[in-house]
Amino acid sequence: MARYLISFDDGAMDSIPDEEEPTVRDASLAVIREAQDAGVWVFAGGVYPHDEVSVRVVTPDGTVTDGAESKAYIAGVTIIDVPSREEALQWAAKIAAACRCAQEVREFAPDPAVGN
C-alpha cells in the first residue's frame, strides 16, 4: 500500500454559489465516508485561508517570518492509503466531482526511518 496526498488550492472553490455550498459539503462528506468504509481513508481536512490566519515560516535556524507570499496555498487535503496510483486517481476523481474543483495527487515517498 502507498499513501497519497490529494489536495486543492486556496480559491479553487470560490466560484461555488453560496446556496450550493451545503450540497457540495454533503457530497464531499459522502466521499470521505465511502473512503472510510473502504478502509483507505487516513485523514482529511480543510485549511484556513492564508488571508484569514497568520501564515508563518520557520527557518532551519529557528527564525519565524511572515509566510504570506505570492504563491499557491493548500485549502484542503485528503490522505489515502491504496495499493496503486490508479486507485488514488479514482478517489481523486470522486473528490473532484464532489468538491467541484481539480485535485492534485501526489504519492508520499517511503520513509526508511518508520518502515514505510
PDB file of N, CA and C in Angstrom:
ATOM      1  N   MET A   1       0.849  -1.182   0.000  1.00  0.00           N
ATOM      2  CA  MET A   1       0.000   0.000   0.000  1.00  0.00           C
ATOM      3  C   MET A   1       0.889   1.238   0.000  1.00  0.00           C
ATOM      4  N   ALA A   2       0.383   2.280  -0.598  1.00  0.00           N
ATOM      5  CA  ALA A   2       1.091   3.552  -0.643  1.00  0.00           C
ATOM      6  C   ALA A   2       0.129   4.651  -0.213  1.00  0.00           C
ATOM      7  N   ARG A   3       0.681   5.665   0.410  1.00  0.00           N
ATOM      8  CA  ARG A   3      -0.142   6.804   0.822  1.00  0.00           C
ATOM      9  C   ARG A   3      -0.034   7.910  -0.210  1.00  0.00           C
ATOM     10  N   TYR A   4      -1.167   8.529  -0.464  1.00  0.00           N
ATOM     11  CA  TYR A   4      -1.263   9.611  -1.438  1.00  0.00           C
ATOM     12  C   TYR A   4      -1.906  10.824  -0.797  1.00  0.00           C
ATOM     13  N   LEU A   5      -1.396  11.981  -1.178  1.00  0.00           N
ATOM     14  CA  LEU A   5      -1.962  13.259  -0.780  1.00  0.00           C
ATOM     15  C   LEU A   5      -2.811  13.760  -1.943  1.00  0.00           C
ATOM     16  N   ILE A   6      -4.078  14.002  -1.675  1.00  0.00           N
ATOM     17  CA  ILE A   6      -4.989  14.594  -2.656  1.00  0.00           C
ATOM     18  C   ILE A   6      -5.326  15.974  -2.117  1.00  0.00           C
ATOM     19  N   SER A   7      -5.078  17.017  -2.903  1.00  0.00           N
ATOM     20  CA  SER A   7      -5.265  18.369  -2.376  1.00  0.00           C
ATOM     21  C   SER A   7      -5.772  19.322  -3.442  1.00  0.00           C
ATOM     22  N   PHE A   8      -6.278  20.449  -2.964  1.00  0.00           N
ATOM     23  CA  PHE A   8      -6.672  21.521  -3.874  1.00  0.00           C
ATOM     24  C   PHE A   8      -6.237  22.850  -3.289  1.00  0.00           C
ATOM     25  N   ASP A   9      -6.036  23.812  -4.178  1.00  0.00           N
ATOM     26  CA  ASP A   9      -5.509  25.116  -3.783  1.00  0.00           C
ATOM     27  C   ASP A   9      -6.589  26.042  -3.247  1.00  0.00           C
ATOM     28  N   ASP A  10      -6.147  26.951  -2.398  1.00  0.00           N
ATOM     29  CA  ASP A  10      -6.987  28.015  -1.875  1.00  0.00           C
ATOM     30  C   ASP A  10      -7.602  28.769  -3.053  1.00  0.00           C
ATOM     31  N   GLY A  11      -8.891  29.014  -2.975  1.00  0.00           N
ATOM     32  CA  GLY A  11      -9.589  29.737  -4.034  1.00  0.00           C
ATOM     33  C   GLY A  11     -10.227  28.830  -5.067  1.00  0.00           C
ATOM     34  N   ALA A  12      -9.892  27.541  -5.061  1.00  0.00           N
ATOM     35  CA  ALA A  12     -10.408  26.630  -6.079  1.00  0.00           C
ATOM     36  C   ALA A  12     -11.922  26.465  -6.011  1.00  0.00           C
ATOM     37  N   MET A  13     -12.488  26.682  -4.837  1.00  0.00           N
ATOM     38  CA  MET A  13     -13.931  26.504  -4.678  1.00  0.00           C
ATOM     39  C   MET A  13     -14.677  27.839  -4.591  1.00  0.00           C
ATOM     40  N   ASP A  14     -13.991  28.936  -4.870  1.00  0.00           N
ATOM     41  CA  ASP A  14     -14.603  30.259  -4.738  1.00  0.00           C
ATOM     42  C   ASP A  14     -15.781  30.498  -5.678  1.00  0.00           C
ATOM     43  N   SER A  15     -15.832  29.787  -6.780  1.00  0.00           N
ATOM     44  CA  SER A  15     -16.902  30.030  -7.760  1.00  0.00           C
ATOM     45  C   SER A  15     -18.200  29.300  -7.417  1.00  0.00           C
ATOM     46  N   ILE A  16     -18.203  28.520  -6.354  1.00  0.00           N
ATOM     47  CA  ILE A  16     -19.417  27.813  -5.958  1.00  0.00           C
ATOM     48  C   ILE A  16     -20.360  28.800  -5.285  1.00  0.00           C
ATOM     49  N   PRO A  17     -21.576  28.928  -5.819  1.00  0.00           N
ATOM     50  CA  PRO A  17     -22.537  29.859  -5.205  1.00  0.00           C
ATOM     51  C   PRO A  17     -22.865  29.451  -3.766  1.00  0.00           C
ATOM     52  N   ASP A  18     -23.109  30.425  -2.915  1.00  0.00           N
ATOM     53  CA  ASP A  18     -23.402  30.172  -1.500  1.00  0.00           C
ATOM     54  C   ASP A  18     -24.520  29.154  -1.314  1.00  0.00           C
ATOM     55  N   GLU A  19     -25.560  29.242  -2.130  1.00  0.00           N
ATOM     56  CA  GLU A  19     -26.706  28.350  -1.956  1.00  0.00           C
ATOM     57  C   GLU A  19     -26.373  26.891  -2.315  1.00  0.00           C
ATOM     58  N   GLU A  20     -25.277  26.672  -3.034  1.00  0.00           N
ATOM     59  CA  GLU A  20     -24.873  25.312  -3.394  1.00  0.00           C
ATOM     60  C   GLU A  20     -23.845  24.719  -2.426  1.00  0.00           C
ATOM     61  N   GLU A  21     -23.340  25.516  -1.495  1.00  0.00           N
ATOM     62  CA  GLU A  21     -22.325  25.032  -0.557  1.00  0.00           C
ATOM     63  C   GLU A  21     -22.786  23.838   0.275  1.00  0.00           C
ATOM     64  N   PRO A  22     -24.040  23.810   0.774  1.00  0.00           N
ATOM     65  CA  PRO A  22     -24.466  22.615   1.532  1.00  0.00           C
ATOM     66  C   PRO A  22     -24.448  21.338   0.679  1.00  0.00           C
ATOM     67  N   THR A  23     -24.802  21.448  -0.579  1.00  0.00           N
ATOM     68  CA  THR A  23     -24.783  20.295  -1.476  1.00  0.00           C
ATOM     69  C   THR A  23     -23.358  19.805  -1.688  1.00  0.00           C
ATOM     70  N   VAL A  24     -22.435  20.733  -1.884  1.00  0.00           N
ATOM     71  CA  VAL A  24     -21.020  20.382  -2.065  1.00  0.00           C
ATOM     72  C   VAL A  24     -20.473  19.760  -0.783  1.00  0.00           C
ATOM     73  N   ARG A  25     -20.796  20.353   0.350  1.00  0.00           N
ATOM     74  CA  ARG A  25     -20.341  19.807   1.640  1.00  0.00           C
ATOM     75  C   ARG A  25     -20.839  18.373   1.828  1.00  0.00           C
ATOM     76  N   ASP A  26     -22.125  18.149   1.566  1.00  0.00           N
ATOM     77  CA  ASP A  26     -22.692  16.813   1.743  1.00  0.00           C
ATOM     78  C   ASP A  26     -22.065  15.809   0.782  1.00  0.00           C
ATOM     79  N   ALA A  27     -21.818  16.221  -0.450  1.00  0.00           N
ATOM     80  CA  ALA A  27     -21.190  15.326  -1.431  1.00  0.00           C
ATOM     81  C   ALA A  27     -19.764  14.991  -1.014  1.00  0.00           C
ATOM     82  N   SER A  28     -19.044  15.983  -0.498  1.00  0.00           N
ATOM     83  CA  SER A  28     -17.672  15.757  -0.041  1.00  0.00           C
ATOM     84  C   SER A  28     -17.643  14.806   1.144  1.00  0.00           C
ATOM     85  N   LEU A  29     -18.537  15.009   2.097  1.00  0.00           N
ATOM     86  CA  LEU A  29     -18.599  14.125   3.259  1.00  0.00           C
ATOM     87  C   LEU A  29     -18.973  12.705   2.862  1.00  0.00           C
ATOM     88  N   ALA A  30     -19.814  12.565   1.843  1.00  0.00           N
ATOM     89  CA  ALA A  30     -20.188  11.229   1.368  1.00  0.00           C
ATOM     90  C   ALA A  30     -18.979  10.490   0.793  1.00  0.00           C
ATOM     91  N   VAL A  31     -18.120  11.201   0.069  1.00  0.00           N
ATOM     92  CA  VAL A  31     -16.914  10.569  -0.472  1.00  0.00           C
ATOM     93  C   VAL A  31     -15.980  10.168   0.663  1.00  0.00           C
ATOM     94  N   ILE A  32     -15.841  11.009   1.666  1.00  0.00           N
ATOM     95  CA  ILE A  32     -14.993  10.682   2.811  1.00  0.00           C
ATOM     96  C   ILE A  32     -15.539   9.446   3.526  1.00  0.00           C
ATOM     97  N   ARG A  33     -16.857   9.395   3.732  1.00  0.00           N
ATOM     98  CA  ARG A  33     -17.453   8.208   4.369  1.00  0.00           C
ATOM     99  C   ARG A  33     -17.216   6.960   3.524  1.00  0.00           C
ATOM    100  N   GLU A  34     -17.314   7.098   2.208  1.00  0.00           N
ATOM    101  CA  GLU A  34     -17.053   5.973   1.312  1.00  0.00           C
ATOM    102  C   GLU A  34     -15.600   5.498   1.448  1.00  0.00           C
ATOM    103  N   ALA A  35     -14.671   6.435   1.515  1.00  0.00           N
ATOM    104  CA  ALA A  35     -13.249   6.077   1.683  1.00  0.00           C
ATOM    105  C   ALA A  35     -13.023   5.417   3.045  1.00  0.00           C
ATOM    106  N   GLN A  36     -13.688   5.917   4.077  1.00  0.00           N
ATOM    107  CA  GLN A  36     -13.572   5.296   5.398  1.00  0.00           C
ATOM    108  C   GLN A  36     -14.107   3.863   5.365  1.00  0.00           C
ATOM    109  N   ASP A  37     -15.275   3.687   4.753  1.00  0.00           N
ATOM    110  CA  ASP A  37     -15.878   2.354   4.659  1.00  0.00           C
ATOM    111  C   ASP A  37     -15.011   1.395   3.852  1.00  0.00           C
ATOM    112  N   ALA A  38     -14.283   1.932   2.855  1.00  0.00           N
ATOM    113  CA  ALA A  38     -13.406   1.106   2.023  1.00  0.00           C
ATOM    114  C   ALA A  38     -12.071   0.810   2.713  1.00  0.00           C
ATOM    115  N   GLY A  39     -11.821   1.465   3.843  1.00  0.00           N
ATOM    116  CA  GLY A  39     -10.595   1.234   4.590  1.00  0.00           C
ATOM    117  C   GLY A  39      -9.367   1.910   4.014  1.00  0.00           C
ATOM    118  N   VAL A  40      -9.550   2.929   3.160  1.00  0.00           N
ATOM    119  CA  VAL A  40      -8.409   3.611   2.541  1.00  0.00           C
ATOM    120  C   VAL A  40      -8.163   5.007   3.119  1.00  0.00           C
ATOM    121  N   TRP A  41      -9.107   5.512   3.893  1.00  0.00           N
ATOM    122  CA  TRP A  41      -9.022   6.867   4.430  1.00  0.00           C
ATOM    123  C   TRP A  41      -8.007   6.919   5.559  1.00  0.00           C
ATOM    124  N   VAL A  42      -7.125   7.913   5.530  1.00  0.00           N
ATOM    125  CA  VAL A  42      -6.180   8.157   6.610  1.00  0.00           C
ATOM    126  C   VAL A  42      -6.536   9.459   7.320  1.00  0.00           C
ATOM    127  N   PHE A  43      -6.748  10.528   6.551  1.00  0.00           N
ATOM    128  CA  PHE A  43      -7.026  11.841   7.127  1.00  0.00           C
ATOM    129  C   PHE A  43      -7.587  12.742   6.041  1.00  0.00           C
ATOM    130  N   ALA A  44      -8.424  13.685   6.435  1.00  0.00           N
ATOM    131  CA  ALA A  44      -8.892  14.730   5.525  1.00  0.00           C
ATOM    132  C   ALA A  44      -9.201  15.971   6.344  1.00  0.00           C
ATOM    133  N   GLY A  45      -9.026  17.130   5.729  1.00  0.00           N
ATOM    134  CA  GLY A  45      -9.364  18.361   6.417  1.00  0.00           C
ATOM    135  C   GLY A  45      -9.124  19.584   5.561  1.00  0.00           C
ATOM    136  N   GLY A  46      -9.812  20.634   5.916  1.00  0.00           N
ATOM    137  CA  GLY A  46      -9.617  21.915   5.258  1.00  0.00           C
ATOM    138  C   GLY A  46      -8.627  22.752   6.038  1.00  0.00           C
ATOM    139  N   VAL A  47      -8.037  23.706   5.364  1.00  0.00           N
ATOM    140  CA  VAL A  47      -7.065  24.607   5.971  1.00  0.00           C
ATOM    141  C   VAL A  47      -7.624  26.027   5.853  1.00  0.00           C
ATOM    142  N   TYR A  48      -7.513  26.782   6.944  1.00  0.00           N
ATOM    143  CA  TYR A  48      -7.990  28.161   6.886  1.00  0.00           C
ATOM    144  C   TYR A  48      -7.295  28.909   5.757  1.00  0.00           C
ATOM    145  N   PRO A  49      -8.022  29.783   5.054  1.00  0.00           N
ATOM    146  CA  PRO A  49      -7.391  30.581   4.000  1.00  0.00           C
ATOM    147  C   PRO A  49      -6.241  31.419   4.570  1.00  0.00           C
ATOM    148  N   HIS A  50      -5.183  31.552   3.775  1.00  0.00           N
ATOM    149  CA  HIS A  50      -3.995  32.272   4.242  1.00  0.00           C
ATOM    150  C   HIS A  50      -4.272  33.734   4.561  1.00  0.00           C
ATOM    151  N   ASP A  51      -5.312  34.306   3.973  1.00  0.00           N
ATOM    152  CA  ASP A  51      -5.610  35.710   4.249  1.00  0.00           C
ATOM    153  C   ASP A  51      -6.486  35.884   5.499  1.00  0.00           C
ATOM    154  N   GLU A  52      -6.929  34.759   6.116  1.00  0.00           N
ATOM    155  CA  GLU A  52      -7.731  34.833   7.330  1.00  0.00           C
ATOM    156  C   GLU A  52      -6.942  34.496   8.587  1.00  0.00           C
ATOM    157  N   VAL A  53      -5.817  33.840   8.415  1.00  0.00           N
ATOM    158  CA  VAL A  53      -4.978  33.472   9.561  1.00  0.00           C
ATOM    159  C   VAL A  53      -3.540  33.855   9.260  1.00  0.00           C
ATOM    160  N   SER A  54      -2.756  33.903  10.289  1.00  0.00           N
ATOM    161  CA  SER A  54      -1.361  34.273  10.127  1.00  0.00           C
ATOM    162  C   SER A  54      -0.543  33.057   9.680  1.00  0.00           C
ATOM    163  N   VAL A  55       0.016  33.122   8.481  1.00  0.00           N
ATOM    164  CA  VAL A  55       0.876  32.067   7.955  1.00  0.00           C
ATOM    165  C   VAL A  55       2.299  32.386   8.376  1.00  0.00           C
ATOM    166  N   ARG A  56       2.968  31.424   8.960  1.00  0.00           N
ATOM    167  CA  ARG A  56       4.342  31.618   9.411  1.00  0.00           C
ATOM    168  C   ARG A  56       5.244  30.575   8.794  1.00  0.00           C
ATOM    169  N   VAL A  57       6.480  30.979   8.546  1.00  0.00           N
ATOM    170  CA  VAL A  57       7.522  30.092   8.057  1.00  0.00           C
ATOM    171  C   VAL A  57       8.611  30.058   9.113  1.00  0.00           C
ATOM    172  N   VAL A  58       9.037  28.846   9.487  1.00  0.00           N
ATOM    173  CA  VAL A  58      10.117  28.685  10.459  1.00  0.00           C
ATOM    174  C   VAL A  58      11.331  28.160   9.704  1.00  0.00           C
ATOM    175  N   THR A  59      12.423  28.916   9.744  1.00  0.00           N
ATOM    176  CA  THR A  59      13.650  28.551   9.030  1.00  0.00           C
ATOM    177  C   THR A  59      14.465  27.553   9.852  1.00  0.00           C
ATOM    178  N   PRO A  60      15.463  26.922   9.244  1.00  0.00           N
ATOM    179  CA  PRO A  60      16.276  25.948   9.983  1.00  0.00           C
ATOM    180  C   PRO A  60      16.949  26.505  11.244  1.00  0.00           C
ATOM    181  N   ASP A  61      17.210  27.803  11.257  1.00  0.00           N
ATOM    182  CA  ASP A  61      17.844  28.374  12.456  1.00  0.00           C
ATOM    183  C   ASP A  61      16.823  28.827  13.504  1.00  0.00           C
ATOM    184  N   GLY A  62      15.549  28.570  13.260  1.00  0.00           N
ATOM    185  CA  GLY A  62      14.502  28.903  14.213  1.00  0.00           C
ATOM    186  C   GLY A  62      13.846  30.246  14.009  1.00  0.00           C
ATOM    187  N   THR A  63      14.280  31.013  13.015  1.00  0.00           N
ATOM    188  CA  THR A  63      13.684  32.313  12.736  1.00  0.00           C
ATOM    189  C   THR A  63      12.256  32.114  12.222  1.00  0.00           C
ATOM    190  N   VAL A  64      11.332  32.901  12.734  1.00  0.00           N
ATOM    191  CA  VAL A  64       9.933  32.846  12.313  1.00  0.00           C
ATOM    192  C   VAL A  64       9.635  34.097  11.513  1.00  0.00           C
ATOM    193  N   THR A  65       9.124  33.897  10.303  1.00  0.00           N
ATOM    194  CA  THR A  65       8.785  35.031   9.440  1.00  0.00           C
ATOM    195  C   THR A  65       7.360  34.900   8.936  1.00  0.00           C
ATOM    196  N   ASP A  66       6.831  36.012   8.437  1.00  0.00           N
ATOM    197  CA  ASP A  66       5.520  36.025   7.813  1.00  0.00           C
ATOM    198  C   ASP A  66       5.612  35.219   6.529  1.00  0.00           C
ATOM    199  N   GLY A  67       4.747  34.222   6.380  1.00  0.00           N
ATOM    200  CA  GLY A  67       4.805  33.357   5.213  1.00  0.00           C
ATOM    201  C   GLY A  67       3.906  33.788   4.078  1.00  0.00           C
ATOM    202  N   ALA A  68       3.211  34.898   4.212  1.00  0.00           N
ATOM    203  CA  ALA A  68       2.291  35.346   3.174  1.00  0.00           C
ATOM    204  C   ALA A  68       3.070  35.901   1.988  1.00  0.00           C
ATOM    205  N   GLU A  69       3.273  35.061   1.013  1.00  0.00           N
ATOM    206  CA  GLU A  69       3.942  35.461  -0.224  1.00  0.00           C
ATOM    207  C   GLU A  69       2.997  35.164  -1.375  1.00  0.00           C
ATOM    208  N   SER A  70       3.360  35.561  -2.554  1.00  0.00           N
ATOM    209  CA  SER A  70       2.518  35.276  -3.708  1.00  0.00           C
ATOM    210  C   SER A  70       2.850  33.875  -4.227  1.00  0.00           C
ATOM    211  N   LYS A  71       2.167  32.882  -3.660  1.00  0.00           N
ATOM    212  CA  LYS A  71       2.318  31.501  -4.080  1.00  0.00           C
ATOM    213  C   LYS A  71       0.997  30.796  -3.830  1.00  0.00           C
ATOM    214  N   ALA A  72       0.881  29.585  -4.325  1.00  0.00           N
ATOM    215  CA  ALA A  72      -0.336  28.820  -4.099  1.00  0.00           C
ATOM    216  C   ALA A  72      -0.354  28.273  -2.675  1.00  0.00           C
ATOM    217  N   TYR A  73      -1.510  28.298  -2.051  1.00  0.00           N
ATOM    218  CA  TYR A  73      -1.691  27.752  -0.726  1.00  0.00           C
ATOM    219  C   TYR A  73      -2.686  26.607  -0.800  1.00  0.00           C
ATOM    220  N   ILE A  74      -2.435  25.557  -0.056  1.00  0.00           N
ATOM    221  CA  ILE A  74      -3.361  24.431   0.001  1.00  0.00           C
ATOM    222  C   ILE A  74      -4.586  24.847   0.800  1.00  0.00           C
ATOM    223  N   ALA A  75      -5.769  24.444   0.320  1.00  0.00           N
ATOM    224  CA  ALA A  75      -7.004  24.746   1.026  1.00  0.00           C
ATOM    225  C   ALA A  75      -7.607  23.509   1.667  1.00  0.00           C
ATOM    226  N   GLY A  76      -7.355  22.351   1.100  1.00  0.00           N
ATOM    227  CA  GLY A  76      -7.909  21.128   1.646  1.00  0.00           C
ATOM    228  C   GLY A  76      -7.071  19.935   1.256  1.00  0.00           C
ATOM    229  N   VAL A  77      -7.044  18.934   2.131  1.00  0.00           N
ATOM    230  CA  VAL A  77      -6.249  17.741   1.870  1.00  0.00           C
ATOM    231  C   VAL A  77      -7.029  16.486   2.248  1.00  0.00           C
ATOM    232  N   THR A  78      -6.718  15.433   1.546  1.00  0.00           N
ATOM    233  CA  THR A  78      -7.162  14.091   1.894  1.00  0.00           C
ATOM    234  C   THR A  78      -5.959  13.186   1.733  1.00  0.00           C
ATOM    235  N   ILE A  79      -5.736  12.336   2.715  1.00  0.00           N
ATOM    236  CA  ILE A  79      -4.660  11.356   2.626  1.00  0.00           C
ATOM    237  C   ILE A  79      -5.305   9.986   2.615  1.00  0.00           C
ATOM    238  N   ILE A  80      -4.934   9.196   1.609  1.00  0.00           N
ATOM    239  CA  ILE A  80      -5.475   7.850   1.488  1.00  0.00           C
ATOM    240  C   ILE A  80      -4.330   6.855   1.406  1.00  0.00           C
ATOM    241  N   ASP A  81      -4.630   5.611   1.706  1.00  0.00           N
ATOM    242  CA  ASP A  81      -3.652   4.522   1.652  1.00  0.00           C
ATOM    243  C   ASP A  81      -4.235   3.458   0.736  1.00  0.00           C
ATOM    244  N   VAL A  82      -3.725   3.389  -0.482  1.00  0.00           N
ATOM    245  CA  VAL A  82      -4.271   2.496  -1.507  1.00  0.00           C
ATOM    246  C   VAL A  82      -3.150   1.715  -2.187  1.00  0.00           C
ATOM    247  N   PRO A  83      -3.505   0.613  -2.874  1.00  0.00           N
ATOM    248  CA  PRO A  83      -2.474  -0.220  -3.486  1.00  0.00           C
ATOM    249  C   PRO A  83      -1.831   0.348  -4.747  1.00  0.00           C
ATOM    250  N   SER A  84      -2.473   1.323  -5.396  1.00  0.00           N
ATOM    251  CA  SER A  84      -1.913   1.781  -6.672  1.00  0.00           C
ATOM    252  C   SER A  84      -2.239   3.242  -6.938  1.00  0.00           C
ATOM    253  N   ARG A  85      -1.429   3.835  -7.825  1.00  0.00           N
ATOM    254  CA  ARG A  85      -1.679   5.213  -8.267  1.00  0.00           C
ATOM    255  C   ARG A  85      -3.027   5.305  -8.970  1.00  0.00           C
ATOM    256  N   GLU A  86      -3.372   4.281  -9.726  1.00  0.00           N
ATOM    257  CA  GLU A  86      -4.646   4.280 -10.446  1.00  0.00           C
ATOM    258  C   GLU A  86      -5.817   4.396  -9.472  1.00  0.00           C
ATOM    259  N   GLU A  87      -5.739   3.671  -8.343  1.00  0.00           N
ATOM    260  CA  GLU A  87      -6.807   3.772  -7.361  1.00  0.00           C
ATOM    261  C   GLU A  87      -6.816   5.153  -6.708  1.00  0.00           C
ATOM    262  N   ALA A  88      -5.640   5.715  -6.467  1.00  0.00           N
ATOM    263  CA  ALA A  88      -5.565   7.073  -5.914  1.00  0.00           C
ATOM    264  C   ALA A  88      -6.230   8.070  -6.865  1.00  0.00           C
ATOM    265  N   LEU A  89      -5.999   7.899  -8.148  1.00  0.00           N
ATOM    266  CA  LEU A  89      -6.614   8.789  -9.137  1.00  0.00           C
ATOM    267  C   LEU A  89      -8.132   8.623  -9.171  1.00  0.00           C
ATOM    268  N   GLN A  90      -8.607   7.409  -8.954  1.00  0.00           N
ATOM    269  CA  GLN A  90     -10.059   7.182  -8.910  1.00  0.00           C
ATOM    270  C   GLN A  90     -10.684   7.904  -7.717  1.00  0.00           C
ATOM    271  N   TRP A  91     -10.013   7.827  -6.564  1.00  0.00           N
ATOM    272  CA  TRP A  91     -10.518   8.551  -5.398  1.00  0.00           C
ATOM    273  C   TRP A  91     -10.458  10.058  -5.623  1.00  0.00           C
ATOM    274  N   ALA A  92      -9.385  10.535  -6.236  1.00  0.00           N
ATOM    275  CA  ALA A  92      -9.274  11.967  -6.530  1.00  0.00           C
ATOM    276  C   ALA A  92     -10.392  12.426  -7.452  1.00  0.00           C
ATOM    277  N   ALA A  93     -10.762  11.580  -8.394  1.00  0.00           N
ATOM    278  CA  ALA A  93     -11.863  11.929  -9.302  1.00  0.00           C
ATOM    279  C   ALA A  93     -13.176  12.068  -8.536  1.00  0.00           C
ATOM    280  N   LYS A  94     -13.398  11.199  -7.562  1.00  0.00           N
ATOM    281  CA  LYS A  94     -14.615  11.299  -6.749  1.00  0.00           C
ATOM    282  C   LYS A  94     -14.602  12.588  -5.925  1.00  0.00           C
ATOM    283  N   ILE A  95     -13.448  12.902  -5.363  1.00  0.00           N
ATOM    284  CA  ILE A  95     -13.326  14.124  -4.562  1.00  0.00           C
ATOM    285  C   ILE A  95     -13.500  15.351  -5.451  1.00  0.00           C
ATOM    286  N   ALA A  96     -12.901  15.337  -6.630  1.00  0.00           N
ATOM    287  CA  ALA A  96     -13.025  16.469  -7.562  1.00  0.00           C
ATOM    288  C   ALA A  96     -14.481  16.701  -7.939  1.00  0.00           C
ATOM    289  N   ALA A  97     -15.209  15.619  -8.204  1.00  0.00           N
ATOM    290  CA  ALA A  97     -16.624  15.755  -8.566  1.00  0.00           C
ATOM    291  C   ALA A  97     -17.415  16.327  -7.392  1.00  0.00           C
ATOM    292  N   ALA A  98     -17.135  15.843  -6.180  1.00  0.00           N
ATOM    293  CA  ALA A  98     -17.867  16.312  -5.005  1.00  0.00           C
ATOM    294  C   ALA A  98     -17.553  17.770  -4.693  1.00  0.00           C
ATOM    295  N   CYS A  99     -16.281  18.127  -4.756  1.00  0.00           N
ATOM    296  CA  CYS A  99     -15.848  19.494  -4.409  1.00  0.00           C
ATOM    297  C   CYS A  99     -15.992  20.477  -5.564  1.00  0.00           C
ATOM    298  N   ARG A 100     -16.208  19.946  -6.752  1.00  0.00           N
ATOM    299  CA  ARG A 100     -16.338  20.758  -7.964  1.00  0.00           C
ATOM    300  C   ARG A 100     -15.074  21.552  -8.275  1.00  0.00           C
ATOM    301  N   CYS A 101     -13.918  20.928  -7.984  1.00  0.00           N
ATOM    302  CA  CYS A 101     -12.652  21.569  -8.339  1.00  0.00           C
ATOM    303  C   CYS A 101     -11.590  20.501  -8.541  1.00  0.00           C
ATOM    304  N   ALA A 102     -10.576  20.862  -9.316  1.00  0.00           N
ATOM    305  CA  ALA A 102      -9.489  19.938  -9.623  1.00  0.00           C
ATOM    306  C   ALA A 102      -8.729  19.563  -8.359  1.00  0.00           C
ATOM    307  N   GLN A 103      -8.199  18.349  -8.349  1.00  0.00           N
ATOM    308  CA  GLN A 103      -7.435  17.833  -7.219  1.00  0.00           C
ATOM    309  C   GLN A 103      -6.045  17.429  -7.703  1.00  0.00           C
ATOM    310  N   GLU A 104      -5.042  17.752  -6.922  1.00  0.00           N
ATOM    311  CA  GLU A 104      -3.680  17.321  -7.213  1.00  0.00           C
ATOM    312  C   GLU A 104      -3.425  16.027  -6.445  1.00  0.00           C
ATOM    313  N   VAL A 105      -2.763  15.073  -7.096  1.00  0.00           N
ATOM    314  CA  VAL A 105      -2.468  13.786  -6.475  1.00  0.00           C
ATOM    315  C   VAL A 105      -0.958  13.601  -6.429  1.00  0.00           C
ATOM    316  N   ARG A 106      -0.449  13.341  -5.210  1.00  0.00           N
ATOM    317  CA  ARG A 106       0.998  13.132  -5.032  1.00  0.00           C
ATOM    318  C   ARG A 106       1.214  11.971  -4.078  1.00  0.00           C
ATOM    319  N   GLU A 107       2.167  11.107  -4.437  1.00  0.00           N
ATOM    320  CA  GLU A 107       2.482   9.964  -3.591  1.00  0.00           C
ATOM    321  C   GLU A 107       3.513  10.373  -2.543  1.00  0.00           C
ATOM    322  N   PHE A 108       3.310   9.902  -1.311  1.00  0.00           N
ATOM    323  CA  PHE A 108       4.316  10.113  -0.277  1.00  0.00           C
ATOM    324  C   PHE A 108       5.505   9.208  -0.558  1.00  0.00           C
ATOM    325  N   ALA A 109       6.687   9.742  -0.366  1.00  0.00           N
ATOM    326  CA  ALA A 109       7.909   8.954  -0.517  1.00  0.00           C
ATOM    327  C   ALA A 109       8.048   8.028   0.688  1.00  0.00           C
ATOM    328  N   PRO A 110       8.628   6.857   0.481  1.00  0.00           N
ATOM    329  CA  PRO A 110       8.849   5.965   1.629  1.00  0.00           C
ATOM    330  C   PRO A 110       9.806   6.598   2.636  1.00  0.00           C
ATOM    331  N   ASP A 111       9.571   6.324   3.901  1.00  0.00           N
ATOM    332  CA  ASP A 111      10.441   6.837   4.946  1.00  0.00           C
ATOM    333  C   ASP A 111      11.096   5.651   5.638  1.00  0.00           C
ATOM    334  N   PRO A 112      12.382   5.422   5.347  1.00  0.00           N
ATOM    335  CA  PRO A 112      13.053   4.260   5.921  1.00  0.00           C
ATOM    336  C   PRO A 112      13.121   4.289   7.446  1.00  0.00           C
ATOM    337  N   ALA A 113      12.996   5.463   8.029  1.00  0.00           N
ATOM    338  CA  ALA A 113      13.063   5.573   9.486  1.00  0.00           C
ATOM    339  C   ALA A 113      11.841   4.978  10.171  1.00  0.00           C
ATOM    340  N   VAL A 114      10.712   4.949   9.464  1.00  0.00           N
ATOM    341  CA  VAL A 114       9.483   4.423  10.061  1.00  0.00           C
ATOM    342  C   VAL A 114       8.993   3.159   9.353  1.00  0.00           C
ATOM    343  N   GLY A 115       9.757   2.695   8.389  1.00  0.00           N
ATOM    344  CA  GLY A 115       9.406   1.454   7.724  1.00  0.00           C
ATOM    345  C   GLY A 115       8.311   1.563   6.677  1.00  0.00           C
ATOM    346  N   ASN A 116       8.058   2.746   6.165  1.00  0.00           N
ATOM    347  CA  ASN A 116       7.033   2.910   5.110  1.00  0.00           C
ATOM    348  C   ASN A 116       7.682   2.878   3.753  1.00  0.00           C
TER     349      ASN A 116
END
